[in-house]
Amino acid sequence: MKIGLFIAIVLISGCFAGLIHGGLNLAIVEPYLDQAIAIENQSLFATGEEKDTPEFWVEYNSYRVWQKGGQILAGAILGTSIAALVGIVFLFTRNVLPNGNNVKKTLILSGLMWFSIFVIPFLKYPANPPTVGETETVVLRSILFLTFIAISGLGAVGFYQIYKRLQNRKILAFVGYAAFISAVFFIMPENPDEITAPMELVDGFRGASFVAVTVYWLTLGLILGGFIEKLQERLKLKS
């Protein structure tokens, strides 16, 4: 398969999966954001930082309409970006992934990446709605989250190299990664912000966010594998 064609397939797959993710975000995550922002607005009114006026609501509703409208586009852009990373990893690992068709291989790969760069960091630093977190700690929280993603992802790559070199005890690579990431999990600092929002809202937001991102990784694996499989079948027929 020509590399240019493969890149096109990867990016298109990521865009489609990202569109699905954006639509799902709009459907199941945005309602929690509306609730969280409503609490935040009431707090602004109570402290006098903002005034409950028609002008405020006109500006607010205009902003939220624009923000919600951008969910689909943002999902497509993010989905395409992540798919590019998945495509690179697939090129290097396709020969060592379990035997089977390309759909099976991309599903396994996306599942492994979902677990290492999303699930594990999410367990340590779960997503929070706007009412949770101080503006002064935004940079710190972002650094902690991205650092954990980098450590987990690079750790997975490192233990993958060990996995390739092991002969009869490949399970040791999985055990080693589990021990490594468990240690990192407990060493990394906790989220610096206290949760003051209703836990029902926070838990609902986290659950919806988890589902939306998980669906993205699942659909990316299915779409990318399906495209590669169909393309290879056509190339075989032509040859």
C-alpha atoms as a PDB file:
ATOM      1  CA  MET A   1       0.000   0.000   0.000  1.00  0.00           C
ATOM      2  CA  LYS A   2       1.326   3.418  -0.972  1.00  0.00           C
ATOM      3  CA  ILE A   3       2.174   5.587   2.013  1.00  0.00           C
ATOM      4  CA  GLY A   4       0.209   8.556   0.658  1.00  0.00           C
ATOM      5  CA  LEU A   5      -2.927   6.457   0.333  1.00  0.00           C
ATOM      6  CA  PHE A   6      -2.429   5.043   3.813  1.00  0.00           C
ATOM      7  CA  ILE A   7      -2.101   8.535   5.293  1.00  0.00           C
ATOM      8  CA  ALA A   8      -5.306   9.606   3.542  1.00  0.00           C
ATOM      9  CA  ILE A   9      -7.161   6.584   4.946  1.00  0.00           C
ATOM     10  CA  VAL A  10      -5.881   7.273   8.456  1.00  0.00           C
ATOM     11  CA  LEU A  11      -6.898  10.935   8.376  1.00  0.00           C
ATOM     12  CA  ILE A  12     -10.330  10.229   6.886  1.00  0.00           C
ATOM     13  CA  SER A  13     -10.945   7.510   9.484  1.00  0.00           C
ATOM     14  CA  GLY A  14      -9.950   9.883  12.276  1.00  0.00           C
ATOM     15  CA  CYS A  15     -12.214  12.593  10.889  1.00  0.00           C
ATOM     16  CA  PHE A  16     -15.228  10.251  10.739  1.00  0.00           C
ATOM     17  CA  ALA A  17     -14.579   8.902  14.251  1.00  0.00           C
ATOM     18  CA  GLY A  18     -14.061  12.471  15.476  1.00  0.00           C
ATOM     19  CA  LEU A  19     -17.384  13.579  13.995  1.00  0.00           C
ATOM     20  CA  ILE A  20     -19.106  10.761  15.866  1.00  0.00           C
ATOM     21  CA  HIS A  21     -17.297  11.773  19.047  1.00  0.00           C
ATOM     22  CA  GLY A  22     -18.303  15.410  18.596  1.00  0.00           C
ATOM     23  CA  GLY A  23     -21.929  14.482  18.028  1.00  0.00           C
ATOM     24  CA  LEU A  24     -21.950  12.232  21.073  1.00  0.00           C
ATOM     25  CA  ASN A  25     -20.372  14.993  23.156  1.00  0.00           C
ATOM     26  CA  LEU A  26     -23.117  17.331  22.038  1.00  0.00           C
ATOM     27  CA  ALA A  27     -25.776  14.798  22.989  1.00  0.00           C
ATOM     28  CA  ILE A  28     -24.588  13.424  26.335  1.00  0.00           C
ATOM     29  CA  VAL A  29     -21.842  15.730  27.692  1.00  0.00           C
ATOM     30  CA  GLU A  30     -23.222  19.179  26.913  1.00  0.00           C
ATOM     31  CA  PRO A  31     -26.268  18.810  29.215  1.00  0.00           C
ATOM     32  CA  TYR A  32     -23.878  18.408  32.169  1.00  0.00           C
ATOM     33  CA  LEU A  33     -21.903  21.427  30.996  1.00  0.00           C
ATOM     34  CA  ASP A  34     -25.120  23.455  30.927  1.00  0.00           C
ATOM     35  CA  GLN A  35     -25.838  22.472  34.528  1.00  0.00           C
ATOM     36  CA  ALA A  36     -22.278  23.227  35.644  1.00  0.00           C
ATOM     37  CA  ILE A  37     -22.173  26.612  33.934  1.00  0.00           C
ATOM     38  CA  ALA A  38     -25.568  27.490  35.427  1.00  0.00           C
ATOM     39  CA  ILE A  39     -24.084  26.900  38.900  1.00  0.00           C
ATOM     40  CA  GLU A  40     -21.063  28.984  37.965  1.00  0.00           C
ATOM     41  CA  ASN A  41     -23.276  31.831  36.737  1.00  0.00           C
ATOM     42  CA  GLN A  42     -25.274  31.833  39.964  1.00  0.00           C
ATOM     43  CA  SER A  43     -22.017  32.081  41.895  1.00  0.00           C
ATOM     44  CA  LEU A  44     -20.950  35.073  39.762  1.00  0.00           C
ATOM     45  CA  PHE A  45     -24.265  36.770  40.445  1.00  0.00           C
ATOM     46  CA  ALA A  46     -23.995  36.073  44.180  1.00  0.00           C
ATOM     47  CA  THR A  47     -20.491  37.549  44.442  1.00  0.00           C
ATOM     48  CA  GLY A  48     -21.340  40.549  42.282  1.00  0.00           C
ATOM     49  CA  GLU A  49     -18.784  39.693  39.591  1.00  0.00           C
ATOM     50  CA  GLU A  50     -21.596  39.667  37.045  1.00  0.00           C
ATOM     51  CA  LYS A  51     -25.114  41.095  37.001  1.00  0.00           C
ATOM     52  CA  ASP A  52     -28.219  39.070  36.150  1.00  0.00           C
ATOM     53  CA  THR A  53     -29.298  41.273  33.272  1.00  0.00           C
ATOM     54  CA  PRO A  54     -30.819  40.660  29.812  1.00  0.00           C
ATOM     55  CA  GLU A  55     -27.548  41.818  28.271  1.00  0.00           C
ATOM     56  CA  PHE A  56     -25.617  39.168  30.193  1.00  0.00           C
ATOM     57  CA  TRP A  57     -27.908  36.389  28.981  1.00  0.00           C
ATOM     58  CA  VAL A  58     -27.857  37.579  25.377  1.00  0.00           C
ATOM     59  CA  GLU A  59     -24.062  37.489  25.390  1.00  0.00           C
ATOM     60  CA  TYR A  60     -23.976  34.188  27.288  1.00  0.00           C
ATOM     61  CA  ASN A  61     -26.488  32.417  25.021  1.00  0.00           C
ATOM     62  CA  SER A  62     -24.692  33.689  21.919  1.00  0.00           C
ATOM     63  CA  TYR A  63     -21.411  32.299  23.236  1.00  0.00           C
ATOM     64  CA  ARG A  64     -22.923  28.932  24.175  1.00  0.00           C
ATOM     65  CA  VAL A  65     -24.577  28.547  20.762  1.00  0.00           C
ATOM     66  CA  TRP A  66     -21.219  29.224  19.126  1.00  0.00           C
ATOM     67  CA  GLN A  67     -19.472  26.850  21.538  1.00  0.00           C
ATOM     68  CA  LYS A  68     -21.948  24.024  20.970  1.00  0.00           C
ATOM     69  CA  GLY A  69     -21.852  24.537  17.228  1.00  0.00           C
ATOM     70  CA  GLY A  70     -18.096  24.064  17.295  1.00  0.00           C
ATOM     71  CA  GLN A  71     -18.309  20.689  19.060  1.00  0.00           C
ATOM     72  CA  ILE A  72     -18.572  18.725  15.813  1.00  0.00           C
ATOM     73  CA  LEU A  73     -15.721  20.589  14.124  1.00  0.00           C
ATOM     74  CA  ALA A  74     -13.542  20.306  17.242  1.00  0.00           C
ATOM     75  CA  GLY A  75     -14.270  16.572  17.393  1.00  0.00           C
ATOM     76  CA  ALA A  76     -13.250  16.130  13.753  1.00  0.00           C
ATOM     77  CA  ILE A  77      -9.976  18.047  14.260  1.00  0.00           C
ATOM     78  CA  LEU A  78      -9.078  16.206  17.466  1.00  0.00           C
ATOM     79  CA  GLY A  79     -10.099  12.868  15.981  1.00  0.00           C
ATOM     80  CA  THR A  80      -7.914  13.415  12.924  1.00  0.00           C
ATOM     81  CA  SER A  81      -4.934  14.399  15.071  1.00  0.00           C
ATOM     82  CA  ILE A  82      -5.175  11.316  17.286  1.00  0.00           C
ATOM     83  CA  ALA A  83      -5.688   9.073  14.247  1.00  0.00           C
ATOM     84  CA  ALA A  84      -2.392  10.314  12.810  1.00  0.00           C
ATOM     85  CA  LEU A  85      -0.632   9.002  15.925  1.00  0.00           C
ATOM     86  CA  VAL A  86      -2.519   5.696  15.688  1.00  0.00           C
ATOM     87  CA  GLY A  87      -1.515   5.359  12.036  1.00  0.00           C
ATOM     88  CA  ILE A  88       2.165   5.838  12.849  1.00  0.00           C
ATOM     89  CA  VAL A  89       2.008   3.256  15.621  1.00  0.00           C
ATOM     90  CA  PHE A  90       0.150   0.827  13.354  1.00  0.00           C
ATOM     91  CA  LEU A  91       2.897   0.992  10.725  1.00  0.00           C
ATOM     92  CA  PHE A  92       5.493  -0.053  13.317  1.00  0.00           C
ATOM     93  CA  THR A  93       3.421  -2.698  15.104  1.00  0.00           C
ATOM     94  CA  ARG A  94       1.180  -4.317  12.466  1.00  0.00           C
ATOM     95  CA  ASN A  95       3.486  -7.312  12.103  1.00  0.00           C
ATOM     96  CA  VAL A  96       3.529  -8.078  15.832  1.00  0.00           C
ATOM     97  CA  LEU A  97      -0.164  -7.532  16.502  1.00  0.00           C
ATOM     98  CA  PRO A  98      -2.199 -10.746  16.914  1.00  0.00           C
ATOM     99  CA  ASN A  99      -2.973 -12.596  13.694  1.00  0.00           C
ATOM    100  CA  GLY A 100      -6.215 -11.741  11.968  1.00  0.00           C
ATOM    101  CA  ASN A 101      -7.629  -9.231   9.541  1.00  0.00           C
ATOM    102  CA  ASN A 102      -6.882  -5.536   9.711  1.00  0.00           C
ATOM    103  CA  VAL A 103     -10.077  -4.747  11.598  1.00  0.00           C
ATOM    104  CA  LYS A 104      -8.981  -7.035  14.409  1.00  0.00           C
ATOM    105  CA  LYS A 105      -5.494  -5.504  14.422  1.00  0.00           C
ATOM    106  CA  THR A 106      -6.656  -1.889  14.502  1.00  0.00           C
ATOM    107  CA  LEU A 107      -9.230  -2.683  17.186  1.00  0.00           C
ATOM    108  CA  ILE A 108      -6.554  -4.268  19.373  1.00  0.00           C
ATOM    109  CA  LEU A 109      -4.172  -1.366  18.765  1.00  0.00           C
ATOM    110  CA  SER A 110      -6.790   1.293  19.461  1.00  0.00           C
ATOM    111  CA  GLY A 111      -7.818  -0.646  22.567  1.00  0.00           C
ATOM    112  CA  LEU A 112      -4.260  -0.697  23.884  1.00  0.00           C
ATOM    113  CA  MET A 113      -3.787   3.000  23.176  1.00  0.00           C
ATOM    114  CA  TRP A 114      -7.194   3.816  24.676  1.00  0.00           C
ATOM    115  CA  PHE A 115      -6.152   2.057  27.858  1.00  0.00           C
ATOM    116  CA  SER A 116      -2.626   3.489  28.140  1.00  0.00           C
ATOM    117  CA  ILE A 117      -3.146   7.123  27.136  1.00  0.00           C
ATOM    118  CA  PHE A 118      -6.756   7.636  28.164  1.00  0.00           C
ATOM    119  CA  VAL A 119      -8.081   5.210  30.793  1.00  0.00           C
ATOM    120  CA  ILE A 120      -5.077   5.239  33.126  1.00  0.00           C
ATOM    121  CA  PRO A 121      -4.636   9.053  33.104  1.00  0.00           C
ATOM    122  CA  PHE A 122      -8.421   9.437  33.436  1.00  0.00           C
ATOM    123  CA  LEU A 123      -8.444   7.281  36.571  1.00  0.00           C
ATOM    124  CA  LYS A 124      -5.829   9.543  38.159  1.00  0.00           C
ATOM    125  CA  TYR A 125      -7.129  12.857  36.844  1.00  0.00           C
ATOM    126  CA  PRO A 126     -10.773  12.370  35.806  1.00  0.00           C
ATOM    127  CA  ALA A 127     -12.495  15.020  33.746  1.00  0.00           C
ATOM    128  CA  ASN A 128     -14.308  17.696  35.711  1.00  0.00           C
ATOM    129  CA  PRO A 129     -17.039  20.158  34.699  1.00  0.00           C
ATOM    130  CA  PRO A 130     -16.338  23.928  34.680  1.00  0.00           C
ATOM    131  CA  THR A 131     -17.477  24.391  38.290  1.00  0.00           C
ATOM    132  CA  VAL A 132     -14.565  22.266  39.537  1.00  0.00           C
ATOM    133  CA  GLY A 133     -11.105  23.829  39.536  1.00  0.00           C
ATOM    134  CA  GLU A 134      -9.612  27.221  40.184  1.00  0.00           C
ATOM    135  CA  THR A 135      -8.345  29.379  37.323  1.00  0.00           C
ATOM    136  CA  GLU A 136      -5.010  29.693  39.140  1.00  0.00           C
ATOM    137  CA  THR A 137      -4.402  25.941  38.886  1.00  0.00           C
ATOM    138  CA  VAL A 138      -5.345  25.431  35.227  1.00  0.00           C
ATOM    139  CA  VAL A 139      -1.722  25.307  34.062  1.00  0.00           C
ATOM    140  CA  LEU A 140      -0.681  22.957  36.878  1.00  0.00           C
ATOM    141  CA  ARG A 141      -3.593  20.613  36.251  1.00  0.00           C
ATOM    142  CA  SER A 142      -2.857  20.555  32.522  1.00  0.00           C
ATOM    143  CA  ILE A 143       0.820  19.788  33.152  1.00  0.00           C
ATOM    144  CA  LEU A 144      -0.018  16.948  35.537  1.00  0.00           C
ATOM    145  CA  PHE A 145      -2.513  15.399  33.118  1.00  0.00           C
ATOM    146  CA  LEU A 146      -0.269  15.671  30.046  1.00  0.00           C
ATOM    147  CA  THR A 147       2.717  14.396  32.022  1.00  0.00           C
ATOM    148  CA  PHE A 148       0.791  11.320  33.086  1.00  0.00           C
ATOM    149  CA  ILE A 149      -0.307  10.701  29.482  1.00  0.00           C
ATOM    150  CA  ALA A 150       3.313  10.979  28.310  1.00  0.00           C
ATOM    151  CA  ILE A 151       4.629   8.672  31.055  1.00  0.00           C
ATOM    152  CA  SER A 152       1.957   6.063  30.440  1.00  0.00           C
ATOM    153  CA  GLY A 153       2.328   6.199  26.660  1.00  0.00           C
ATOM    154  CA  LEU A 154       6.129   6.095  26.672  1.00  0.00           C
ATOM    155  CA  GLY A 155       6.024   3.379  29.314  1.00  0.00           C
ATOM    156  CA  ALA A 156       3.803   1.299  27.040  1.00  0.00           C
ATOM    157  CA  VAL A 157       6.264   1.810  24.154  1.00  0.00           C
ATOM    158  CA  GLY A 158       9.181   0.811  26.372  1.00  0.00           C
ATOM    159  CA  PHE A 159       7.541  -2.368  27.605  1.00  0.00           C
ATOM    160  CA  TYR A 160       6.454  -3.157  24.048  1.00  0.00           C
ATOM    161  CA  GLN A 161      10.147  -3.265  23.126  1.00  0.00           C
ATOM    162  CA  ILE A 162      10.704  -5.654  26.036  1.00  0.00           C
ATOM    163  CA  TYR A 163       7.714  -7.714  24.861  1.00  0.00           C
ATOM    164  CA  LYS A 164       9.291  -8.159  21.409  1.00  0.00           C
ATOM    165  CA  ARG A 165      12.522  -9.443  22.910  1.00  0.00           C
ATOM    166  CA  LEU A 166      10.969 -11.950  25.282  1.00  0.00           C
ATOM    167  CA  GLN A 167      10.433 -15.431  23.942  1.00  0.00           C
ATOM    168  CA  ASN A 168       8.447 -17.694  26.262  1.00  0.00           C
ATOM    169  CA  ARG A 169       7.614 -15.239  29.044  1.00  0.00           C
ATOM    170  CA  LYS A 170       5.990 -12.352  27.225  1.00  0.00           C
ATOM    171  CA  ILE A 171       3.542 -12.003  30.111  1.00  0.00           C
ATOM    172  CA  LEU A 172       6.409 -10.442  32.071  1.00  0.00           C
ATOM    173  CA  ALA A 173       6.187  -7.349  29.861  1.00  0.00           C
ATOM    174  CA  PHE A 174       2.544  -6.845  30.893  1.00  0.00           C
ATOM    175  CA  VAL A 175       3.380  -7.461  34.544  1.00  0.00           C
ATOM    176  CA  GLY A 176       6.263  -4.999  34.330  1.00  0.00           C
ATOM    177  CA  TYR A 177       4.086  -2.302  32.790  1.00  0.00           C
ATOM    178  CA  ALA A 178       1.388  -2.845  35.416  1.00  0.00           C
ATOM    179  CA  ALA A 179       3.943  -2.494  38.217  1.00  0.00           C
ATOM    180  CA  PHE A 180       5.526   0.554  36.599  1.00  0.00           C
ATOM    181  CA  ILE A 181       2.288   2.453  35.987  1.00  0.00           C
ATOM    182  CA  SER A 182       0.966   1.534  39.457  1.00  0.00           C
ATOM    183  CA  ALA A 183       4.038   3.131  41.006  1.00  0.00           C
ATOM    184  CA  VAL A 184       3.645   6.239  38.837  1.00  0.00           C
ATOM    185  CA  PHE A 185      -0.053   6.393  39.740  1.00  0.00           C
ATOM    186  CA  PHE A 186       0.734   6.697  43.436  1.00  0.00           C
ATOM    187  CA  ILE A 187       3.780   8.952  43.003  1.00  0.00           C
ATOM    188  CA  MET A 188       2.062  11.567  40.846  1.00  0.00           C
ATOM    189  CA  PRO A 189       0.485  14.438  42.843  1.00  0.00           C
ATOM    190  CA  GLU A 190      -3.239  14.504  43.436  1.00  0.00           C
ATOM    191  CA  ASN A 191      -5.548  16.977  41.728  1.00  0.00           C
ATOM    192  CA  PRO A 192      -4.932  20.248  43.633  1.00  0.00           C
ATOM    193  CA  ASP A 193      -8.563  21.434  43.483  1.00  0.00           C
ATOM    194  CA  GLU A 194     -11.276  20.576  45.956  1.00  0.00           C
ATOM    195  CA  ILE A 195     -14.563  19.403  44.473  1.00  0.00           C
ATOM    196  CA  THR A 196     -17.320  21.763  45.589  1.00  0.00           C
ATOM    197  CA  ALA A 197     -19.877  20.993  42.869  1.00  0.00           C
ATOM    198  CA  PRO A 198     -22.619  18.402  43.508  1.00  0.00           C
ATOM    199  CA  MET A 199     -21.093  14.937  43.140  1.00  0.00           C
ATOM    200  CA  GLU A 200     -24.088  13.764  41.116  1.00  0.00           C
ATOM    201  CA  LEU A 201     -23.211  16.377  38.492  1.00  0.00           C
ATOM    202  CA  VAL A 202     -19.479  15.615  38.618  1.00  0.00           C
ATOM    203  CA  ASP A 203     -19.978  11.844  38.352  1.00  0.00           C
ATOM    204  CA  GLY A 204     -22.482  12.246  35.522  1.00  0.00           C
ATOM    205  CA  PHE A 205     -20.108  14.491  33.601  1.00  0.00           C
ATOM    206  CA  ARG A 206     -17.206  12.092  34.089  1.00  0.00           C
ATOM    207  CA  GLY A 207     -19.268   9.093  33.027  1.00  0.00           C
ATOM    208  CA  ALA A 208     -20.550  10.819  29.891  1.00  0.00           C
ATOM    209  CA  SER A 209     -17.045  12.022  28.990  1.00  0.00           C
ATOM    210  CA  PHE A 210     -15.646   8.521  29.465  1.00  0.00           C
ATOM    211  CA  VAL A 211     -18.311   7.000  27.220  1.00  0.00           C
ATOM    212  CA  ALA A 212     -17.816   9.610  24.484  1.00  0.00           C
ATOM    213  CA  VAL A 213     -14.037   9.127  24.329  1.00  0.00           C
ATOM    214  CA  THR A 214     -14.353   5.338  24.485  1.00  0.00           C
ATOM    215  CA  VAL A 215     -16.765   5.365  21.547  1.00  0.00           C
ATOM    216  CA  TYR A 216     -14.229   7.428  19.607  1.00  0.00           C
ATOM    217  CA  TRP A 217     -11.458   4.850  20.097  1.00  0.00           C
ATOM    218  CA  LEU A 218     -13.830   1.999  19.227  1.00  0.00           C
ATOM    219  CA  THR A 219     -15.126   3.629  16.046  1.00  0.00           C
ATOM    220  CA  LEU A 220     -11.614   4.663  15.011  1.00  0.00           C
ATOM    221  CA  GLY A 221     -10.451   1.051  15.221  1.00  0.00           C
ATOM    222  CA  LEU A 222     -13.464  -0.193  13.269  1.00  0.00           C
ATOM    223  CA  ILE A 223     -13.379   2.464  10.549  1.00  0.00           C
ATOM    224  CA  LEU A 224      -9.612   2.434  10.039  1.00  0.00           C
ATOM    225  CA  GLY A 225      -9.425  -1.363   9.977  1.00  0.00           C
ATOM    226  CA  GLY A 226     -12.399  -1.560   7.620  1.00  0.00           C
ATOM    227  CA  PHE A 227     -10.854   0.917   5.163  1.00  0.00           C
ATOM    228  CA  ILE A 228      -7.489  -0.849   5.173  1.00  0.00           C
ATOM    229  CA  GLU A 229      -9.133  -4.249   4.726  1.00  0.00           C
ATOM    230  CA  LYS A 230     -11.289  -3.110   1.798  1.00  0.00           C
ATOM    231  CA  LEU A 231      -8.353  -1.384   0.123  1.00  0.00           C
ATOM    232  CA  GLN A 232      -6.127  -4.438   0.403  1.00  0.00           C
ATOM    233  CA  GLU A 233      -8.888  -6.624  -1.039  1.00  0.00           C
ATOM    234  CA  ARG A 234      -9.166  -4.326  -4.060  1.00  0.00           C
ATOM    235  CA  LEU A 235      -5.397  -4.267  -4.547  1.00  0.00           C
ATOM    236  CA  LYS A 236      -5.338  -8.080  -4.488  1.00  0.00           C
ATOM    237  CA  LEU A 237      -8.094  -8.243  -7.108  1.00  0.00           C
ATOM    238  CA  LYS A 238      -6.224  -5.831  -9.388  1.00  0.00           C
ATOM    239  CA  SER A 239      -2.996  -7.809  -9.065  1.00  0.00           C
END
